[in-house]
Protein backbone atom coordinates (compact mmCIF):
# COMPACT_ATOMS: atom_id res chain seq x y z
CA MET A 1 288.26 144.70 -58.25
CA LEU A 2 291.33 145.41 -56.15
CA LEU A 3 291.91 148.66 -57.93
CA ARG A 4 288.37 149.73 -57.32
CA LEU A 5 288.77 149.03 -53.58
CA LEU A 6 292.00 150.99 -53.35
CA PHE A 7 290.33 153.85 -55.17
CA VAL A 8 287.52 153.94 -52.66
CA LEU A 9 289.94 153.84 -49.70
CA LEU A 10 291.96 156.67 -51.17
CA ILE A 11 288.88 158.82 -51.57
CA ALA A 12 287.85 158.10 -47.92
CA LEU A 13 291.34 158.98 -46.67
CA ASN A 14 291.25 162.28 -48.57
CA ILE A 15 287.88 163.11 -47.09
CA ALA A 16 289.13 162.37 -43.54
CA VAL A 17 292.24 164.57 -44.01
CA ALA A 18 290.14 167.40 -45.40
CA ALA A 19 287.72 167.17 -42.51
CA TRP A 20 290.58 167.23 -39.99
CA LEU A 21 292.12 170.25 -41.62
CA LEU A 22 288.83 172.11 -41.73
CA LEU A 23 287.23 171.16 -38.43
CA GLY A 24 290.33 170.62 -36.33
CA GLN A 25 291.66 174.15 -36.94
CA SER A 26 288.32 175.90 -36.23
CA GLY A 27 288.46 175.66 -32.35
CA PRO A 28 291.24 176.76 -29.97
CA HIS A 29 293.78 174.06 -29.11
CA ALA A 30 295.37 175.81 -26.17
CA VAL A 31 294.17 177.71 -23.21
CA GLU A 32 295.55 181.12 -22.60
CA ALA A 33 297.98 181.40 -19.69
CA SER A 34 295.63 183.66 -17.79
CA ASP A 35 291.94 184.42 -17.83
CA LYS A 36 290.75 187.86 -18.64
CA GLY A 37 290.13 190.06 -15.61
CA VAL A 38 292.51 188.13 -13.28
CA PRO A 39 295.86 189.81 -12.54
CA GLU A 40 299.05 187.90 -13.14
CA LEU A 41 301.10 186.33 -10.36
CA LYS A 42 304.35 188.11 -9.64
CA LEU A 43 307.15 186.89 -7.44
CA LEU A 44 308.78 189.07 -4.81
CA THR A 45 312.01 189.06 -6.82
CA GLU A 46 310.14 190.52 -9.79
CA LEU A 47 308.76 193.51 -7.87
CA PRO A 48 310.56 196.86 -8.27
CA VAL A 49 312.71 197.93 -5.31
CA ALA A 50 312.17 201.45 -3.88
CA SER A 51 315.40 203.48 -3.93
CA SER A 52 314.75 205.40 -0.73
CA ALA A 53 313.56 202.79 1.81
CA GLY A 54 314.93 199.67 0.21
CA ALA A 55 311.64 197.85 0.73
CA PRO A 56 309.26 196.46 -1.87
CA ALA A 57 307.03 199.10 -3.35
CA GLY A 58 303.97 196.97 -2.81
CA ALA A 59 304.66 196.72 0.93
CA SER A 60 305.17 200.50 1.39
CA SER A 61 302.04 201.42 -0.49
CA GLY A 62 299.84 199.02 1.54
CA VAL A 63 298.75 197.06 -1.60
CA ALA A 64 298.74 193.27 -1.86
CA SER A 65 302.07 191.99 -3.13
CA ALA A 66 300.75 189.08 -5.13
CA VAL A 67 297.51 187.81 -6.65
CA PRO A 68 296.09 184.30 -7.03
CA VAL A 69 297.22 181.95 -9.84
CA ALA A 70 295.20 182.17 -13.04
CA SER A 71 296.84 179.57 -15.30
CA SER A 72 296.68 175.81 -14.84
CA ALA A 73 300.15 175.46 -16.33
CA THR A 74 301.65 177.77 -13.72
CA VAL A 75 299.94 175.86 -10.89
CA ALA A 76 301.53 172.61 -12.06
CA GLU A 77 304.97 174.11 -11.52
CA LYS A 78 306.43 174.40 -8.00
CA ALA A 79 306.49 178.17 -7.75
CA PRO A 80 307.48 180.00 -4.56
CA SER A 81 304.66 180.95 -2.23
CA ALA A 82 303.27 184.45 -2.60
CA VAL A 83 303.10 186.70 0.46
CA VAL A 84 300.16 189.00 0.99
CA THR A 85 300.60 191.99 3.25
CA MET A 86 297.51 193.83 4.53
CA PRO A 87 297.97 197.26 6.11
CA VAL A 88 296.70 197.70 9.64
CA THR A 89 295.75 201.21 10.57
CA PRO A 90 295.47 201.76 14.34
CA ALA A 91 292.26 203.38 15.49
CA LYS A 92 292.73 206.88 16.73
CA PRO A 93 291.32 207.45 20.21
CA THR A 94 288.61 210.04 20.37
CA PRO A 95 289.74 212.89 22.56
CA THR A 96 287.45 213.55 25.48
CA THR A 97 287.03 216.97 26.81
CA PRO A 98 286.18 217.20 30.50
CA ALA A 99 282.83 218.85 31.05
CA PRO A 100 282.87 222.08 33.00
CA ALA A 101 281.85 221.88 36.64
CA GLN A 102 278.77 224.04 35.99
CA GLU A 103 277.45 221.67 33.33
CA VAL A 104 277.99 218.67 35.62
CA ALA A 105 276.07 220.33 38.43
CA LYS A 106 273.26 221.30 36.05
CA ALA A 107 272.95 217.75 34.72
CA ALA A 108 272.83 216.37 38.26
CA ALA A 109 270.09 218.84 39.18
CA GLU A 110 268.00 217.99 36.10
CA ALA A 111 268.38 214.23 36.54
CA PRO A 112 265.12 212.58 37.68
CA ALA A 113 265.02 211.64 41.34
CA PRO A 114 265.01 207.93 42.13
CA PRO A 115 261.51 206.57 42.77
CA ALA A 116 260.49 206.41 46.38
CA SER A 117 260.25 202.97 47.86
CA VAL A 118 256.69 201.71 47.53
CA PRO A 119 255.40 200.17 50.76
CA THR A 120 254.77 196.49 50.30
CA SER A 121 251.70 194.77 51.63
CA ALA A 122 252.01 193.08 54.97
CA LYS A 123 252.60 189.35 55.00
CA ARG A 124 249.31 187.47 54.83
CA SER A 125 248.49 185.62 58.03
CA TYR A 126 246.56 182.38 58.36
CA ARG A 127 244.61 180.53 60.99
CA CYS A 128 243.25 177.05 61.49
CA LEU A 129 239.60 176.09 61.95
CA ALA A 130 237.87 172.86 62.87
CA ILE A 131 234.58 172.48 61.03
CA GLY A 132 232.01 169.96 62.26
CA PRO A 133 230.89 167.67 63.61
CA PHE A 134 229.43 165.91 60.57
CA ALA A 135 227.07 163.02 61.12
CA THR A 136 227.99 161.41 57.80
CA GLN A 137 230.97 161.39 55.49
CA VAL A 138 228.73 162.65 52.69
CA ASP A 139 228.19 165.94 54.55
CA LEU A 140 231.94 166.20 55.17
CA ARG A 141 232.87 165.68 51.49
CA THR A 142 230.23 168.16 50.35
CA THR A 143 231.55 170.84 52.71
CA ARG A 144 235.16 170.11 51.76
CA THR A 145 234.35 170.56 48.06
CA THR A 146 232.49 173.81 48.75
CA LEU A 147 235.39 175.30 50.74
CA ALA A 148 238.21 174.01 48.50
CA SER A 149 238.75 177.37 46.77
CA ARG A 150 238.94 179.23 50.13
CA THR A 151 241.34 176.94 51.98
CA VAL A 152 245.11 176.57 51.77
CA ARG A 153 245.05 172.94 52.91
CA SER A 154 242.63 170.66 54.71
CA ARG A 155 242.35 167.27 56.36
CA GLN A 156 239.57 165.11 57.78
CA ARG A 157 239.48 163.09 60.97
CA GLN A 158 237.07 160.83 62.83
CA GLU A 159 236.16 160.99 66.50
CA GLN A 160 233.92 159.06 68.82
CA THR A 161 231.32 161.13 70.60
CA THR A 162 228.79 160.37 73.29
CA GLU A 163 225.32 161.60 72.48
CA SER A 164 222.49 161.99 74.93
CA HIS A 165 219.27 160.25 73.99
CA GLY A 166 217.18 161.41 76.94
CA TRP A 167 216.70 160.49 80.60
CA ARG A 168 215.22 157.28 81.88
CA VAL A 169 213.56 156.43 85.20
CA PHE A 170 213.62 152.80 86.36
CA LEU A 171 213.67 150.38 89.25
CA PRO A 172 216.95 148.46 89.77
CA ALA A 173 217.29 145.07 88.11
CA GLN A 174 216.20 141.98 90.04
CA ASP A 175 217.99 138.68 90.21
CA THR A 176 215.30 136.84 88.29
CA ARG A 177 212.48 137.65 85.96
CA GLU A 178 209.92 136.42 88.50
CA LEU A 179 211.11 138.97 91.05
CA ALA A 180 210.88 141.71 88.42
CA LEU A 181 207.29 140.69 87.59
CA ALA A 182 206.35 140.67 91.28
CA GLN A 183 207.73 144.20 91.63
CA ALA A 184 205.69 145.33 88.64
CA ARG A 185 202.51 143.94 90.25
CA ARG A 186 203.20 145.96 93.42
CA LEU A 187 203.51 149.11 91.27
CA GLU A 188 200.14 148.29 89.73
CA ALA A 189 198.63 147.94 93.19
CA LYS A 190 199.92 151.43 94.13
CA GLY A 191 198.26 152.94 91.08
CA ILE A 192 201.50 153.53 89.14
CA LYS A 193 200.96 152.96 85.44
CA ASP A 194 203.15 153.14 82.33
CA TYR A 195 205.88 150.63 83.13
CA PHE A 196 207.30 147.46 81.58
CA VAL A 197 209.72 144.74 82.60
CA VAL A 198 213.00 144.70 80.61
CA THR A 199 213.77 141.24 79.29
CA VAL A 200 216.58 142.14 76.83
CA GLN A 201 219.97 140.88 77.93
CA GLY A 202 222.27 143.53 79.31
CA GLU A 203 222.78 145.65 82.38
CA MET A 204 219.08 146.60 82.41
CA GLN A 205 217.73 143.05 82.18
CA ASN A 206 215.02 142.24 84.78
CA SER A 207 214.61 145.91 85.64
CA VAL A 208 211.31 147.83 85.52
CA ALA A 209 211.36 150.82 83.20
CA LEU A 210 209.19 153.74 84.32
CA GLY A 211 209.65 156.06 81.36
CA LEU A 212 212.09 157.87 79.00
CA PHE A 213 212.12 161.67 79.04
CA HIS A 214 213.92 164.28 76.92
CA ASP A 215 213.55 166.93 79.62
CA PRO A 216 215.46 166.08 82.80
CA ALA A 217 212.90 168.02 84.87
CA ASN A 218 210.10 165.65 83.81
CA ALA A 219 212.37 162.71 84.58
CA ARG A 220 212.99 163.98 88.10
CA LYS A 221 209.25 164.48 88.67
CA ARG A 222 208.49 160.89 87.66
CA ARG A 223 211.27 159.57 89.89
CA ASP A 224 209.97 161.47 92.90
CA GLU A 225 206.44 160.09 92.39
CA VAL A 226 207.65 156.49 92.42
CA ILE A 227 209.88 157.10 95.45
CA ALA A 228 206.91 158.59 97.30
CA ALA A 229 204.98 155.37 96.61
CA GLY A 230 207.72 153.39 98.39
CA PHE A 231 209.86 152.13 95.51
CA PRO A 232 213.62 152.80 95.00
CA ALA A 233 213.30 154.59 91.64
CA ARG A 234 216.41 155.88 89.93
CA MET A 235 217.17 158.34 87.16
CA SER A 236 220.03 158.17 84.60
CA GLU A 237 220.95 159.69 81.28
CA ARG A 238 220.70 157.47 78.25
CA THR A 239 223.80 157.90 76.09
CA GLU A 240 225.20 156.30 72.94
CA THR A 241 228.68 156.44 71.46
CA THR A 242 228.62 157.28 67.75
CA PRO A 243 231.31 158.29 65.22
CA VAL A 244 231.48 161.84 63.92
CA TRP A 245 233.78 163.51 61.39
CA TRP A 246 235.64 166.81 61.49
CA LEU A 247 237.24 168.90 58.75
CA ASP A 248 240.37 170.86 59.73
CA VAL A 249 241.26 173.72 57.36
CA VAL A 250 243.92 176.41 57.07
CA VAL A 251 242.45 179.68 55.77
CA PRO A 252 243.59 183.32 55.51
CA ASP A 253 242.53 185.55 58.39
CA ASP A 254 240.29 187.67 56.17
CA THR A 255 238.15 184.73 54.99
CA GLY A 256 236.94 183.46 58.35
CA ASN A 257 233.44 184.90 57.98
CA ASP A 258 233.11 183.56 54.44
CA ILE A 259 233.97 180.09 55.70
CA ARG A 260 231.26 180.20 58.36
CA ARG A 261 228.64 181.41 55.89
CA ALA A 262 229.52 178.64 53.44
CA ILE A 263 228.83 175.82 55.93
CA ARG A 264 225.48 174.20 55.11
CA ALA A 265 225.64 170.92 57.05
CA PRO A 266 223.15 170.76 59.97
CA GLY A 267 224.81 171.14 63.35
CA ALA A 268 228.26 171.91 61.90
CA THR A 269 230.14 174.99 63.07
CA ALA A 270 233.64 176.41 62.71
CA ARG A 271 235.85 176.84 65.75
CA PRO A 272 239.56 177.67 66.19
CA THR A 273 241.93 174.74 66.50
CA GLY A 274 245.64 173.98 66.45
CA CYS A 275 247.36 174.29 63.10
CA PHE A 276 248.76 171.28 61.32
């Protein structure tokens, strides 16, 4: 049994040696010192010396003195550094020949004349207008929206205005209501109709109203009739203070007529005003 085992081990050892001899020798075991196509590295001391100038031939010919390392074995060693010299050829200045005087004069004559200065438009001028009065803020906002594209800037403001609501003819107020009624009865006796005694509290309380007229001429006629009958009739304008709104705008001078045509609010006009 032992002999049979030794025999088998011997056969296996022979097979392993044969395989190593056959397969181990088939591939390369060493890498060449340099790859193909890459020049070898040469030291400066290995370069030939020119007899005439005493300088390295590579330096005089303008060719690189050394090439990069190709072998890994050479890199492992501490070799001296290679020096590469690149030739520098100075650029030759291009000679300039002065042009003859006749050619210079001809070129100046043929050169296009500079463009004439184009007159610029005059600076646009502006003016300020006050548009109104508007009875309601709705009319003001509508007009402001309509004129927005024609105005540079705008603002709104409110004012108090006194409006006339006609002319009234009356007898002065009495101290008491009884005196006012007695005065009214005397008017009736003189044939003067269309009157009433004011009972509402205020400055006209206990007065006798003789009529309200839109035309001041009719009011004066009525007053004169009552005075002729022997009563101290008076005439005064009836006014009320109400708020109104104005729209101030800044517009170019050439759009003034367009602004006036665009106003649609009743009673509103455009008039010059101070700028803001």
